[in-house]
Amino acid sequence: QVKLEESGGGLVQPGGSLRLSCVASGRIFSINRMGWYRQAPGKERELVADTSGGTTNYADSVKGRFSISRDNAKNTVYLQMNSLKPEDTAVYYCKAVVQTAVRSMYTYWGQGTQVTVSS
């Protein structure tokens, strides 16, 4: 079993910054891909950013403002969010594609952390 634990969410004013962290723990052989998704009220969950093998992907709406990074030694992924806008308000979820054994790969989700951008 693998657990993803997110932290770093909160309330911030427009233009402010937050840094989200997600730590994976448990039966981990290797982690293929880690990333962040978000879901705003009444909307579908959407990709924010993810990273795998040194490559990164960003949603167009966050390019130039958000930055994803990963510490493989700590099984941790970070999301640095700058110049936050009210439309960034959502629950942010960590996702990881984890190899738990030689031929076993599964997708795991964290429970989510609330980010609210408001004055």
C-alpha atoms as a PDB file:
ATOM      1  CA  GLN A   1       0.000   0.000   0.000  1.00  0.00           C
ATOM      2  CA  VAL A   2       1.178   3.496  -0.831  1.00  0.00           C
ATOM      3  CA  LYS A   3       0.068   6.683   0.860  1.00  0.00           C
ATOM      4  CA  LEU A   4       0.339  10.220  -0.487  1.00  0.00           C
ATOM      5  CA  GLU A   5       0.264  13.035   2.043  1.00  0.00           C
ATOM      6  CA  GLU A   6      -0.179  16.617   0.870  1.00  0.00           C
ATOM      7  CA  SER A   7       0.559  19.788   2.792  1.00  0.00           C
ATOM      8  CA  GLY A   8       0.933  23.515   2.237  1.00  0.00           C
ATOM      9  CA  GLY A   9      -2.539  24.618   1.246  1.00  0.00           C
ATOM     10  CA  GLY A  10      -4.300  27.582   2.792  1.00  0.00           C
ATOM     11  CA  LEU A  11      -5.752  31.029   2.277  1.00  0.00           C
ATOM     12  CA  VAL A  12      -3.720  33.575   0.348  1.00  0.00           C
ATOM     13  CA  GLN A  13      -4.415  36.966  -1.183  1.00  0.00           C
ATOM     14  CA  PRO A  14      -4.365  37.464  -4.957  1.00  0.00           C
ATOM     15  CA  GLY A  15      -0.794  37.861  -6.132  1.00  0.00           C
ATOM     16  CA  GLY A  16       0.525  35.792  -3.261  1.00  0.00           C
ATOM     17  CA  SER A  17       2.415  32.514  -3.217  1.00  0.00           C
ATOM     18  CA  LEU A  18       2.047  29.058  -1.740  1.00  0.00           C
ATOM     19  CA  ARG A  19       4.148  25.924  -1.882  1.00  0.00           C
ATOM     20  CA  LEU A  20       2.474  22.535  -1.860  1.00  0.00           C
ATOM     21  CA  SER A  21       4.296  19.356  -0.885  1.00  0.00           C
ATOM     22  CA  CYS A  22       3.361  15.726  -1.395  1.00  0.00           C
ATOM     23  CA  VAL A  23       5.234  12.852   0.194  1.00  0.00           C
ATOM     24  CA  ALA A  24       4.766   9.264  -0.934  1.00  0.00           C
ATOM     25  CA  SER A  25       5.333   6.478   1.569  1.00  0.00           C
ATOM     26  CA  GLY A  26       4.814   2.748   1.771  1.00  0.00           C
ATOM     27  CA  ARG A  27       5.692  -0.101  -0.577  1.00  0.00           C
ATOM     28  CA  ILE A  28       7.572   1.824  -3.277  1.00  0.00           C
ATOM     29  CA  PHE A  29       9.890   0.179  -5.778  1.00  0.00           C
ATOM     30  CA  SER A  30      10.057   3.314  -7.908  1.00  0.00           C
ATOM     31  CA  ILE A  31       7.876   6.279  -8.824  1.00  0.00           C
ATOM     32  CA  ASN A  32       7.210   6.785 -12.508  1.00  0.00           C
ATOM     33  CA  ARG A  33       5.267  10.032 -12.529  1.00  0.00           C
ATOM     34  CA  MET A  34       4.174  12.536  -9.887  1.00  0.00           C
ATOM     35  CA  GLY A  35       1.965  15.515 -10.324  1.00  0.00           C
ATOM     36  CA  TRP A  36      -0.763  17.827  -9.167  1.00  0.00           C
ATOM     37  CA  TYR A  37      -4.378  18.096 -10.189  1.00  0.00           C
ATOM     38  CA  ARG A  38      -7.062  20.443  -8.944  1.00  0.00           C
ATOM     39  CA  GLN A  39     -10.818  20.504  -8.718  1.00  0.00           C
ATOM     40  CA  ALA A  40     -12.853  23.647  -8.231  1.00  0.00           C
ATOM     41  CA  PRO A  41     -16.486  23.536  -7.096  1.00  0.00           C
ATOM     42  CA  GLY A  42     -18.745  22.431  -9.931  1.00  0.00           C
ATOM     43  CA  LYS A  43     -15.841  21.647 -12.229  1.00  0.00           C
ATOM     44  CA  GLU A  44     -14.009  18.518 -13.284  1.00  0.00           C
ATOM     45  CA  ARG A  45     -10.618  17.607 -11.906  1.00  0.00           C
ATOM     46  CA  GLU A  46      -7.868  18.956 -14.164  1.00  0.00           C
ATOM     47  CA  LEU A  47      -4.143  18.545 -14.533  1.00  0.00           C
ATOM     48  CA  VAL A  48      -2.095  21.389 -13.105  1.00  0.00           C
ATOM     49  CA  ALA A  49       1.404  20.020 -13.592  1.00  0.00           C
ATOM     50  CA  ASP A  50       3.245  16.731 -13.602  1.00  0.00           C
ATOM     51  CA  THR A  51       6.752  15.426 -13.998  1.00  0.00           C
ATOM     52  CA  SER A  52       8.369  12.218 -15.164  1.00  0.00           C
ATOM     53  CA  GLY A  53      11.942  11.407 -16.097  1.00  0.00           C
ATOM     54  CA  GLY A  54      12.956  15.038 -16.010  1.00  0.00           C
ATOM     55  CA  THR A  55      10.162  16.261 -18.260  1.00  0.00           C
ATOM     56  CA  THR A  56       7.366  18.473 -16.989  1.00  0.00           C
ATOM     57  CA  ASN A  57       3.902  19.377 -18.217  1.00  0.00           C
ATOM     58  CA  TYR A  58       1.842  22.385 -17.201  1.00  0.00           C
ATOM     59  CA  ALA A  59      -1.695  23.479 -17.802  1.00  0.00           C
ATOM     60  CA  ASP A  60      -1.750  26.577 -19.984  1.00  0.00           C
ATOM     61  CA  SER A  61      -3.498  28.487 -17.219  1.00  0.00           C
ATOM     62  CA  VAL A  62      -0.547  28.121 -14.831  1.00  0.00           C
ATOM     63  CA  LYS A  63       2.444  28.345 -17.176  1.00  0.00           C
ATOM     64  CA  GLY A  64       4.877  30.994 -16.021  1.00  0.00           C
ATOM     65  CA  ARG A  65       3.323  31.137 -12.548  1.00  0.00           C
ATOM     66  CA  PHE A  66       3.602  27.603 -11.155  1.00  0.00           C
ATOM     67  CA  SER A  67       6.667  25.397 -10.975  1.00  0.00           C
ATOM     68  CA  ILE A  68       6.782  21.671 -10.218  1.00  0.00           C
ATOM     69  CA  SER A  69       9.844  19.975  -8.798  1.00  0.00           C
ATOM     70  CA  ARG A  70      10.651  16.584  -7.378  1.00  0.00           C
ATOM     71  CA  ASP A  71      13.041  15.159  -4.813  1.00  0.00           C
ATOM     72  CA  ASN A  72      13.414  11.516  -5.766  1.00  0.00           C
ATOM     73  CA  ALA A  73      15.417  10.659  -2.657  1.00  0.00           C
ATOM     74  CA  LYS A  74      12.505  11.805  -0.506  1.00  0.00           C
ATOM     75  CA  ASN A  75       9.693  10.544  -2.792  1.00  0.00           C
ATOM     76  CA  THR A  76       8.374  14.089  -2.692  1.00  0.00           C
ATOM     77  CA  VAL A  77       6.909  16.426  -5.270  1.00  0.00           C
ATOM     78  CA  TYR A  78       6.471  20.160  -4.796  1.00  0.00           C
ATOM     79  CA  LEU A  79       4.326  22.764  -6.483  1.00  0.00           C
ATOM     80  CA  GLN A  80       5.478  26.347  -6.134  1.00  0.00           C
ATOM     81  CA  MET A  81       2.560  28.626  -6.928  1.00  0.00           C
ATOM     82  CA  ASN A  82       3.240  32.306  -7.532  1.00  0.00           C
ATOM     83  CA  SER A  83       1.058  35.190  -8.680  1.00  0.00           C
ATOM     84  CA  LEU A  84      -2.005  33.337  -7.474  1.00  0.00           C
ATOM     85  CA  LYS A  85      -5.388  34.327  -8.835  1.00  0.00           C
ATOM     86  CA  PRO A  86      -8.889  33.779  -7.447  1.00  0.00           C
ATOM     87  CA  GLU A  87      -9.482  31.284 -10.253  1.00  0.00           C
ATOM     88  CA  ASP A  88      -6.727  29.105  -8.807  1.00  0.00           C
ATOM     89  CA  THR A  89      -9.011  28.386  -5.857  1.00  0.00           C
ATOM     90  CA  ALA A  90      -9.587  24.633  -5.713  1.00  0.00           C
ATOM     91  CA  VAL A  91      -8.755  21.454  -3.884  1.00  0.00           C
ATOM     92  CA  TYR A  92      -5.323  20.366  -5.064  1.00  0.00           C
ATOM     93  CA  TYR A  93      -4.632  16.641  -5.306  1.00  0.00           C
ATOM     94  CA  CYS A  94      -1.325  14.864  -5.579  1.00  0.00           C
ATOM     95  CA  LYS A  95      -1.117  11.912  -7.959  1.00  0.00           C
ATOM     96  CA  ALA A  96       1.652   9.350  -8.288  1.00  0.00           C
ATOM     97  CA  VAL A  97       2.188   6.404 -10.596  1.00  0.00           C
ATOM     98  CA  VAL A  98       4.093   3.962  -8.442  1.00  0.00           C
ATOM     99  CA  GLN A  99       5.821   0.710  -9.218  1.00  0.00           C
ATOM    100  CA  THR A 100       5.335  -1.453  -6.146  1.00  0.00           C
ATOM    101  CA  ALA A 101       7.043  -4.555  -7.526  1.00  0.00           C
ATOM    102  CA  VAL A 102       8.786  -5.668 -10.714  1.00  0.00           C
ATOM    103  CA  ARG A 103       5.570  -5.972 -12.724  1.00  0.00           C
ATOM    104  CA  SER A 104       3.118  -3.999 -10.597  1.00  0.00           C
ATOM    105  CA  MET A 105       2.327  -0.356 -11.266  1.00  0.00           C
ATOM    106  CA  TYR A 106      -0.564   1.551  -9.728  1.00  0.00           C
ATOM    107  CA  THR A 107      -1.917   5.075  -9.602  1.00  0.00           C
ATOM    108  CA  TYR A 108      -2.436   6.661  -6.206  1.00  0.00           C
ATOM    109  CA  TRP A 109      -4.116   9.888  -5.132  1.00  0.00           C
ATOM    110  CA  GLY A 110      -3.766  12.016  -2.051  1.00  0.00           C
ATOM    111  CA  GLN A 111      -6.753  13.267  -0.119  1.00  0.00           C
ATOM    112  CA  GLY A 112      -6.350  16.836  -1.302  1.00  0.00           C
ATOM    113  CA  THR A 113      -5.434  20.186   0.176  1.00  0.00           C
ATOM    114  CA  GLN A 114      -7.560  23.307  -0.122  1.00  0.00           C
ATOM    115  CA  VAL A 115      -6.113  26.396  -1.764  1.00  0.00           C
ATOM    116  CA  THR A 116      -8.197  29.548  -1.501  1.00  0.00           C
ATOM    117  CA  VAL A 117      -7.167  32.776  -3.200  1.00  0.00           C
ATOM    118  CA  SER A 118      -9.200  35.677  -1.906  1.00  0.00           C
ATOM    119  CA  SER A 119      -8.826  39.190  -0.574  1.00  0.00           C
END
